[in-house]
N, C-alpha and C. Protein backbone atom coordinates (compact mmCIF):
# COMPACT_ATOMS: atom_id res chain seq x y z
N MET A 1 332.42 247.86 194.46
CA MET A 1 333.10 248.55 195.55
C MET A 1 332.15 249.53 196.23
N GLY A 2 331.58 250.46 195.46
CA GLY A 2 330.56 251.37 195.97
C GLY A 2 331.01 252.22 197.13
N ALA A 3 330.08 252.43 198.09
CA ALA A 3 330.33 253.32 199.22
C ALA A 3 331.44 252.81 200.13
N SER A 4 331.80 251.55 200.00
CA SER A 4 332.83 251.01 200.87
C SER A 4 334.24 251.29 200.36
N VAL A 5 334.36 251.91 199.18
CA VAL A 5 335.68 252.21 198.62
C VAL A 5 336.41 253.17 199.56
N ARG A 6 337.61 252.76 199.96
CA ARG A 6 338.43 253.60 200.83
C ARG A 6 339.86 253.55 200.33
N VAL A 7 340.53 254.68 200.50
CA VAL A 7 341.95 254.77 200.18
C VAL A 7 342.71 254.85 201.49
N ARG A 8 343.59 253.89 201.70
CA ARG A 8 344.38 253.84 202.93
C ARG A 8 345.64 254.68 202.74
N LEU A 9 345.84 255.67 203.58
CA LEU A 9 347.06 256.49 203.60
C LEU A 9 347.91 255.98 204.75
N HIS A 10 349.11 255.49 204.44
CA HIS A 10 349.94 254.92 205.51
C HIS A 10 351.42 255.16 205.21
N GLY A 11 352.24 254.83 206.19
CA GLY A 11 353.68 255.03 206.06
C GLY A 11 354.14 256.13 207.00
N ASP A 12 355.04 256.99 206.52
CA ASP A 12 355.61 258.07 207.34
C ASP A 12 354.63 259.23 207.44
N LEU A 13 353.56 259.01 208.20
CA LEU A 13 352.48 259.98 208.35
C LEU A 13 352.14 260.15 209.82
N ASP A 14 351.83 261.38 210.22
CA ASP A 14 351.40 261.63 211.60
C ASP A 14 349.99 261.14 211.86
N ARG A 15 349.14 261.19 210.82
CA ARG A 15 347.74 260.82 210.98
C ARG A 15 347.32 259.86 209.86
N PRO A 16 347.79 258.60 209.90
CA PRO A 16 347.34 257.65 208.88
C PRO A 16 345.82 257.68 208.81
N ALA A 17 345.28 257.46 207.62
CA ALA A 17 343.84 257.60 207.45
C ALA A 17 343.32 256.65 206.39
N GLU A 18 342.02 256.48 206.40
CA GLU A 18 341.31 255.81 205.31
C GLU A 18 340.25 256.78 204.85
N LEU A 19 340.37 257.22 203.59
CA LEU A 19 339.45 258.22 203.06
C LEU A 19 338.52 257.61 202.02
N THR A 20 337.26 258.00 202.07
CA THR A 20 336.29 257.58 201.08
C THR A 20 336.39 258.51 199.87
N VAL A 21 335.79 258.09 198.77
CA VAL A 21 335.74 258.96 197.58
C VAL A 21 335.03 260.26 197.93
N GLU A 22 334.00 260.18 198.74
CA GLU A 22 333.27 261.39 199.17
C GLU A 22 334.19 262.34 199.94
N GLN A 23 335.03 261.82 200.82
CA GLN A 23 335.97 262.67 201.55
C GLN A 23 337.02 263.26 200.60
N LEU A 24 337.47 262.49 199.63
CA LEU A 24 338.40 263.03 198.63
C LEU A 24 337.74 264.15 197.84
N ARG A 25 336.47 263.96 197.52
CA ARG A 25 335.74 264.97 196.75
C ARG A 25 335.57 266.27 197.54
N ALA A 26 335.65 266.22 198.86
CA ALA A 26 335.52 267.42 199.69
C ALA A 26 336.78 268.28 199.67
N LEU A 27 337.90 267.72 199.20
CA LEU A 27 339.16 268.49 199.10
C LEU A 27 339.11 269.37 197.85
N PRO A 28 339.94 270.42 197.79
CA PRO A 28 339.96 271.25 196.58
C PRO A 28 340.20 270.40 195.33
N ALA A 29 339.36 270.60 194.33
CA ALA A 29 339.43 269.78 193.12
C ALA A 29 340.11 270.54 191.99
N HIS A 30 340.75 269.77 191.14
CA HIS A 30 341.41 270.29 189.94
C HIS A 30 340.92 269.49 188.75
N ARG A 31 340.83 270.13 187.60
CA ARG A 31 340.42 269.46 186.36
C ARG A 31 341.61 269.43 185.42
N VAL A 32 341.83 268.29 184.77
CA VAL A 32 342.88 268.18 183.76
C VAL A 32 342.34 267.41 182.57
N ALA A 33 342.79 267.82 181.40
CA ALA A 33 342.53 267.07 180.17
C ALA A 33 343.85 266.41 179.82
N VAL A 34 343.85 265.10 179.61
CA VAL A 34 345.09 264.37 179.37
C VAL A 34 345.00 263.52 178.11
N SER A 35 346.16 263.26 177.57
CA SER A 35 346.33 262.30 176.48
C SER A 35 347.50 261.42 176.87
N PHE A 36 347.33 260.12 176.70
CA PHE A 36 348.42 259.20 177.01
C PHE A 36 348.27 257.96 176.16
N ASP A 37 349.37 257.24 176.04
CA ASP A 37 349.39 256.03 175.25
C ASP A 37 349.15 254.83 176.16
N CYS A 38 348.13 254.06 175.83
CA CYS A 38 347.81 252.83 176.55
C CYS A 38 348.29 251.67 175.69
N LEU A 39 349.06 250.77 176.25
CA LEU A 39 349.62 249.66 175.50
C LEU A 39 348.54 248.81 174.85
N THR A 40 347.43 248.58 175.55
CA THR A 40 346.39 247.69 175.02
C THR A 40 345.31 248.42 174.21
N GLU A 41 345.10 249.72 174.48
CA GLU A 41 343.99 250.42 173.83
C GLU A 41 344.43 251.63 173.00
N GLY A 42 345.74 251.86 172.90
CA GLY A 42 346.23 252.97 172.09
C GLY A 42 346.07 254.33 172.74
N GLU A 43 346.06 255.36 171.91
CA GLU A 43 345.97 256.74 172.38
C GLU A 43 344.65 256.98 173.12
N GLN A 44 344.75 257.54 174.32
CA GLN A 44 343.59 257.83 175.16
C GLN A 44 343.49 259.33 175.40
N HIS A 45 342.27 259.83 175.46
CA HIS A 45 342.01 261.25 175.76
C HIS A 45 340.89 261.28 176.79
N HIS A 46 341.17 261.85 177.95
CA HIS A 46 340.17 261.89 179.02
C HIS A 46 340.26 263.20 179.78
N GLY A 47 339.17 263.52 180.45
CA GLY A 47 339.14 264.62 181.41
C GLY A 47 338.96 264.03 182.79
N PHE A 48 339.79 264.46 183.73
CA PHE A 48 339.72 263.97 185.10
C PHE A 48 339.52 265.14 186.05
N GLU A 49 338.88 264.86 187.17
CA GLU A 49 338.73 265.86 188.23
C GLU A 49 338.93 265.18 189.56
N GLY A 50 339.63 265.89 190.47
CA GLY A 50 339.84 265.37 191.81
C GLY A 50 340.92 266.16 192.51
N PRO A 51 341.20 265.80 193.76
CA PRO A 51 342.20 266.53 194.54
C PRO A 51 343.62 266.18 194.09
N ALA A 52 344.51 267.12 194.30
CA ALA A 52 345.93 266.87 194.06
C ALA A 52 346.42 265.86 195.10
N LEU A 53 347.28 264.96 194.67
CA LEU A 53 347.85 263.95 195.57
C LEU A 53 348.53 264.63 196.76
N LEU A 54 349.17 265.75 196.53
CA LEU A 54 349.83 266.49 197.62
C LEU A 54 348.81 266.91 198.67
N ASP A 55 347.65 267.41 198.25
CA ASP A 55 346.61 267.82 199.20
C ASP A 55 346.06 266.63 199.98
N VAL A 56 345.94 265.49 199.31
CA VAL A 56 345.46 264.28 199.99
C VAL A 56 346.45 263.88 201.08
N LEU A 57 347.73 263.91 200.76
CA LEU A 57 348.75 263.54 201.75
C LEU A 57 348.82 264.52 202.90
N ARG A 58 348.57 265.78 202.63
CA ARG A 58 348.59 266.78 203.71
C ARG A 58 347.54 266.47 204.77
N VAL A 59 346.43 265.84 204.39
CA VAL A 59 345.40 265.44 205.36
C VAL A 59 346.01 264.52 206.41
N ALA A 60 346.93 263.67 205.99
CA ALA A 60 347.53 262.67 206.89
C ALA A 60 348.83 263.15 207.54
N GLY A 61 349.30 264.35 207.25
CA GLY A 61 350.48 264.89 207.90
C GLY A 61 351.77 264.16 207.59
N PRO A 62 352.33 264.37 206.41
CA PRO A 62 353.60 263.70 206.08
C PRO A 62 354.69 264.01 207.10
N ARG A 63 355.42 263.00 207.53
CA ARG A 63 356.54 263.18 208.46
C ARG A 63 357.79 263.50 207.64
N ILE A 64 357.82 264.71 207.14
CA ILE A 64 358.93 265.18 206.31
C ILE A 64 359.40 266.50 206.89
N ASP A 65 360.70 266.69 206.99
CA ASP A 65 361.26 267.95 207.46
C ASP A 65 361.21 268.94 206.30
N PHE A 66 360.28 269.89 206.38
CA PHE A 66 360.09 270.85 205.30
C PHE A 66 360.99 272.08 205.44
N THR A 67 361.85 272.13 206.49
CA THR A 67 362.70 273.31 206.66
C THR A 67 363.84 273.33 205.64
N GLY A 68 364.21 272.19 205.13
CA GLY A 68 365.25 272.11 204.11
C GLY A 68 364.66 271.49 202.86
N ARG A 69 365.51 271.24 201.88
CA ARG A 69 365.00 270.67 200.63
C ARG A 69 365.54 269.28 200.35
N LYS A 70 366.83 269.08 200.55
CA LYS A 70 367.45 267.82 200.12
C LYS A 70 366.86 266.60 200.80
N GLN A 71 366.49 266.70 202.08
CA GLN A 71 365.95 265.54 202.79
C GLN A 71 364.62 265.10 202.20
N ARG A 72 363.88 265.99 201.54
CA ARG A 72 362.61 265.61 200.92
C ARG A 72 362.81 264.69 199.73
N LEU A 73 363.98 264.74 199.14
CA LEU A 73 364.24 263.98 197.92
C LEU A 73 364.31 262.47 198.15
N ARG A 74 364.40 262.05 199.41
CA ARG A 74 364.49 260.60 199.66
C ARG A 74 363.13 259.94 199.88
N PHE A 75 362.05 260.71 199.73
CA PHE A 75 360.71 260.16 199.96
C PHE A 75 360.05 259.73 198.65
N LEU A 76 359.39 258.57 198.73
CA LEU A 76 358.66 258.01 197.59
C LEU A 76 357.23 257.71 198.01
N LEU A 77 356.36 257.66 197.02
CA LEU A 77 354.97 257.26 197.23
C LEU A 77 354.72 256.01 196.39
N SER A 78 354.13 255.02 196.99
CA SER A 78 353.71 253.83 196.27
C SER A 78 352.18 253.83 196.27
N VAL A 79 351.61 253.84 195.08
CA VAL A 79 350.15 253.91 194.93
C VAL A 79 349.67 252.56 194.41
N SER A 80 348.76 251.93 195.14
CA SER A 80 348.28 250.58 194.82
C SER A 80 346.83 250.62 194.37
N GLY A 81 346.53 249.79 193.37
CA GLY A 81 345.16 249.67 192.87
C GLY A 81 344.54 248.35 193.27
N ALA A 82 343.22 248.27 193.16
CA ALA A 82 342.48 247.07 193.54
C ALA A 82 342.88 245.86 192.70
N ASP A 83 343.38 246.10 191.48
CA ASP A 83 343.77 245.00 190.60
C ASP A 83 345.22 244.54 190.81
N GLY A 84 345.89 245.11 191.82
CA GLY A 84 347.28 244.75 192.11
C GLY A 84 348.31 245.63 191.41
N HIS A 85 347.85 246.50 190.50
CA HIS A 85 348.77 247.41 189.82
C HIS A 85 349.31 248.41 190.83
N ARG A 86 350.59 248.74 190.70
CA ARG A 86 351.23 249.67 191.62
C ARG A 86 352.14 250.58 190.83
N ALA A 87 352.20 251.85 191.23
CA ALA A 87 353.09 252.82 190.60
C ALA A 87 353.79 253.62 191.69
N VAL A 88 354.98 254.10 191.36
CA VAL A 88 355.78 254.89 192.29
C VAL A 88 355.88 256.32 191.77
N VAL A 89 355.74 257.25 192.69
CA VAL A 89 355.88 258.68 192.42
C VAL A 89 356.86 259.21 193.44
N SER A 90 357.80 260.02 193.03
CA SER A 90 358.72 260.61 194.01
C SER A 90 358.07 261.85 194.62
N TRP A 91 358.42 262.12 195.88
CA TRP A 91 357.90 263.33 196.54
C TRP A 91 358.29 264.56 195.72
N ALA A 92 359.50 264.57 195.15
CA ALA A 92 359.97 265.73 194.40
C ALA A 92 359.05 266.04 193.21
N GLU A 93 358.38 265.04 192.65
CA GLU A 93 357.49 265.29 191.53
C GLU A 93 356.30 266.17 191.92
N ILE A 94 355.80 266.01 193.16
CA ILE A 94 354.62 266.76 193.58
C ILE A 94 354.95 267.98 194.43
N ASP A 95 356.17 268.06 194.94
CA ASP A 95 356.60 269.16 195.81
C ASP A 95 356.74 270.45 194.99
N PRO A 96 356.09 271.54 195.41
CA PRO A 96 356.16 272.79 194.66
C PRO A 96 357.58 273.35 194.53
N ASP A 97 358.50 272.99 195.43
CA ASP A 97 359.88 273.46 195.33
C ASP A 97 360.67 272.69 194.28
N PHE A 98 360.12 271.62 193.75
CA PHE A 98 360.81 270.80 192.75
C PHE A 98 359.94 270.72 191.49
N GLY A 99 359.38 269.56 191.20
CA GLY A 99 358.59 269.38 189.98
C GLY A 99 357.25 270.10 190.01
N GLY A 100 356.63 270.13 191.19
CA GLY A 100 355.35 270.81 191.35
C GLY A 100 354.24 270.28 190.45
N GLN A 101 354.31 269.01 190.05
CA GLN A 101 353.27 268.45 189.18
C GLN A 101 351.96 268.30 189.95
N ARG A 102 350.89 268.59 189.28
CA ARG A 102 349.57 268.42 189.87
C ARG A 102 349.08 267.01 189.54
N ILE A 103 349.62 266.04 190.25
CA ILE A 103 349.21 264.64 190.10
C ILE A 103 347.94 264.48 190.94
N LEU A 104 346.92 263.87 190.36
CA LEU A 104 345.62 263.79 191.02
C LEU A 104 345.27 262.40 191.51
N LEU A 105 344.40 262.37 192.51
CA LEU A 105 343.62 261.18 192.84
C LEU A 105 342.22 261.53 192.36
N ALA A 106 341.96 261.23 191.11
CA ALA A 106 340.72 261.67 190.46
C ALA A 106 339.51 260.95 191.05
N THR A 107 338.44 261.72 191.23
CA THR A 107 337.18 261.17 191.71
C THR A 107 336.14 261.12 190.60
N SER A 108 336.50 261.66 189.41
CA SER A 108 335.63 261.51 188.24
C SER A 108 336.48 261.47 186.98
N MET A 109 335.96 260.76 185.98
CA MET A 109 336.61 260.66 184.68
C MET A 109 335.56 260.96 183.62
N ASP A 110 335.87 261.91 182.75
CA ASP A 110 334.94 262.32 181.70
C ASP A 110 333.57 262.64 182.29
N ASP A 111 333.58 263.36 183.41
CA ASP A 111 332.40 263.82 184.15
C ASP A 111 331.57 262.69 184.77
N ALA A 112 332.07 261.47 184.75
CA ALA A 112 331.38 260.36 185.41
C ALA A 112 332.07 260.08 186.74
N PRO A 113 331.31 260.03 187.84
CA PRO A 113 331.93 259.78 189.14
C PRO A 113 332.57 258.39 189.21
N LEU A 114 333.66 258.31 189.95
CA LEU A 114 334.38 257.05 190.13
C LEU A 114 334.05 256.41 191.47
N ASP A 115 332.88 256.70 192.00
CA ASP A 115 332.49 256.19 193.32
C ASP A 115 332.55 254.67 193.39
N ASP A 116 332.06 253.99 192.37
CA ASP A 116 332.02 252.52 192.40
C ASP A 116 333.38 251.90 192.13
N ALA A 117 334.15 252.49 191.22
CA ALA A 117 335.46 251.93 190.86
C ALA A 117 336.55 252.35 191.83
N GLY A 118 336.38 253.49 192.47
CA GLY A 118 337.42 254.04 193.32
C GLY A 118 338.23 255.07 192.55
N PRO A 119 338.98 255.90 193.27
CA PRO A 119 339.72 256.97 192.61
C PRO A 119 340.82 256.44 191.70
N GLN A 120 341.27 257.31 190.82
CA GLN A 120 342.33 256.94 189.87
C GLN A 120 343.49 257.89 190.01
N LEU A 121 344.71 257.33 190.05
CA LEU A 121 345.91 258.14 190.02
C LEU A 121 346.07 258.67 188.60
N VAL A 122 346.25 259.98 188.47
CA VAL A 122 346.38 260.63 187.17
C VAL A 122 347.69 261.41 187.18
N VAL A 123 348.57 261.09 186.25
CA VAL A 123 349.88 261.74 186.13
C VAL A 123 349.90 262.47 184.79
N PRO A 124 349.37 263.71 184.76
CA PRO A 124 349.15 264.41 183.49
C PRO A 124 350.38 264.58 182.61
N ASP A 125 351.57 264.66 183.18
CA ASP A 125 352.77 264.87 182.37
C ASP A 125 353.33 263.58 181.77
N ASP A 126 352.79 262.42 182.16
CA ASP A 126 353.28 261.15 181.61
C ASP A 126 352.71 260.93 180.21
N ARG A 127 353.56 260.59 179.28
CA ARG A 127 353.13 260.25 177.92
C ARG A 127 352.56 258.83 177.86
N CYS A 128 353.12 257.96 178.68
CA CYS A 128 352.67 256.58 178.78
C CYS A 128 351.68 256.48 179.95
N GLY A 129 350.63 255.71 179.78
CA GLY A 129 349.60 255.62 180.81
C GLY A 129 349.86 254.59 181.90
N ALA A 130 351.07 254.05 181.98
CA ALA A 130 351.35 252.97 182.93
C ALA A 130 351.21 253.39 184.39
N ARG A 131 351.41 254.69 184.69
CA ARG A 131 351.26 255.12 186.09
C ARG A 131 349.84 255.58 186.41
N TYR A 132 348.92 255.44 185.48
CA TYR A 132 347.52 255.73 185.77
C TYR A 132 346.94 254.51 186.47
N VAL A 133 346.85 254.58 187.80
CA VAL A 133 346.39 253.44 188.59
C VAL A 133 344.89 253.60 188.86
N SER A 134 344.12 252.62 188.41
CA SER A 134 342.67 252.64 188.62
C SER A 134 342.32 251.98 189.94
N GLY A 135 341.19 252.40 190.51
CA GLY A 135 340.71 251.78 191.74
C GLY A 135 341.73 251.84 192.86
N VAL A 136 342.29 253.04 193.10
CA VAL A 136 343.34 253.19 194.11
C VAL A 136 342.81 252.75 195.48
N THR A 137 343.57 251.87 196.13
CA THR A 137 343.20 251.38 197.46
C THR A 137 344.15 251.86 198.55
N ALA A 138 345.38 252.23 198.17
CA ALA A 138 346.36 252.63 199.19
C ALA A 138 347.42 253.55 198.60
N VAL A 139 347.88 254.46 199.45
CA VAL A 139 349.02 255.32 199.14
C VAL A 139 349.96 255.23 200.33
N TRP A 140 351.18 254.78 200.06
CA TRP A 140 352.20 254.64 201.09
C TRP A 140 353.27 255.71 200.86
N LEU A 141 353.70 256.36 201.93
CA LEU A 141 354.79 257.34 201.88
C LEU A 141 355.94 256.81 202.70
N GLY A 142 357.11 256.76 202.13
CA GLY A 142 358.27 256.27 202.88
C GLY A 142 359.56 256.76 202.29
N GLN A 143 360.64 256.54 203.03
CA GLN A 143 361.97 256.97 202.63
C GLN A 143 362.71 255.84 201.92
N VAL A 144 363.53 256.25 200.98
CA VAL A 144 364.43 255.31 200.32
C VAL A 144 365.55 255.03 201.31
N GLY A 145 365.87 253.76 201.49
CA GLY A 145 366.97 253.38 202.37
C GLY A 145 368.30 253.44 201.67
N GLU A 146 369.33 253.16 202.41
CA GLU A 146 370.67 253.11 201.83
C GLU A 146 370.77 251.92 200.89
N PRO A 147 371.36 252.12 199.71
CA PRO A 147 371.50 250.98 198.80
C PRO A 147 372.48 249.96 199.36
N ALA A 148 372.15 248.69 199.13
CA ALA A 148 373.06 247.60 199.54
C ALA A 148 374.18 247.51 198.54
N CYS A 149 375.39 247.46 199.05
CA CYS A 149 376.55 247.38 198.13
C CYS A 149 377.12 245.98 198.13
């Protein structure tokens, strides 16, 4: 992947964008030490560094009415990896008025840069590693529609 690795930000955004790992690295970085259970490799312990997913989305201008709270609860994020793996995160998980989790788009793992592999979604509060998406290629922001009855 190398220098051509880009993360596409799309959906309900004022400024859809494609960001390189270098551009992600220019955003405020956070470090987390995590432990999670991997189905195939067992207990994992890693250190990750990178921008908060919320800060990444702010670059693209989420089309969300921030004057109230309840309307924010209908927004979801779908994060896609190069291998086809996809995970969903609710806006409420990253919103400081709700869960306020510092979910990252990590640009390094265990002090090794992820420039060639692409950034990794890191959900520090998850016990299971299924939402850790490697080689992130896209983040979509959108609203949940009315359920079909």
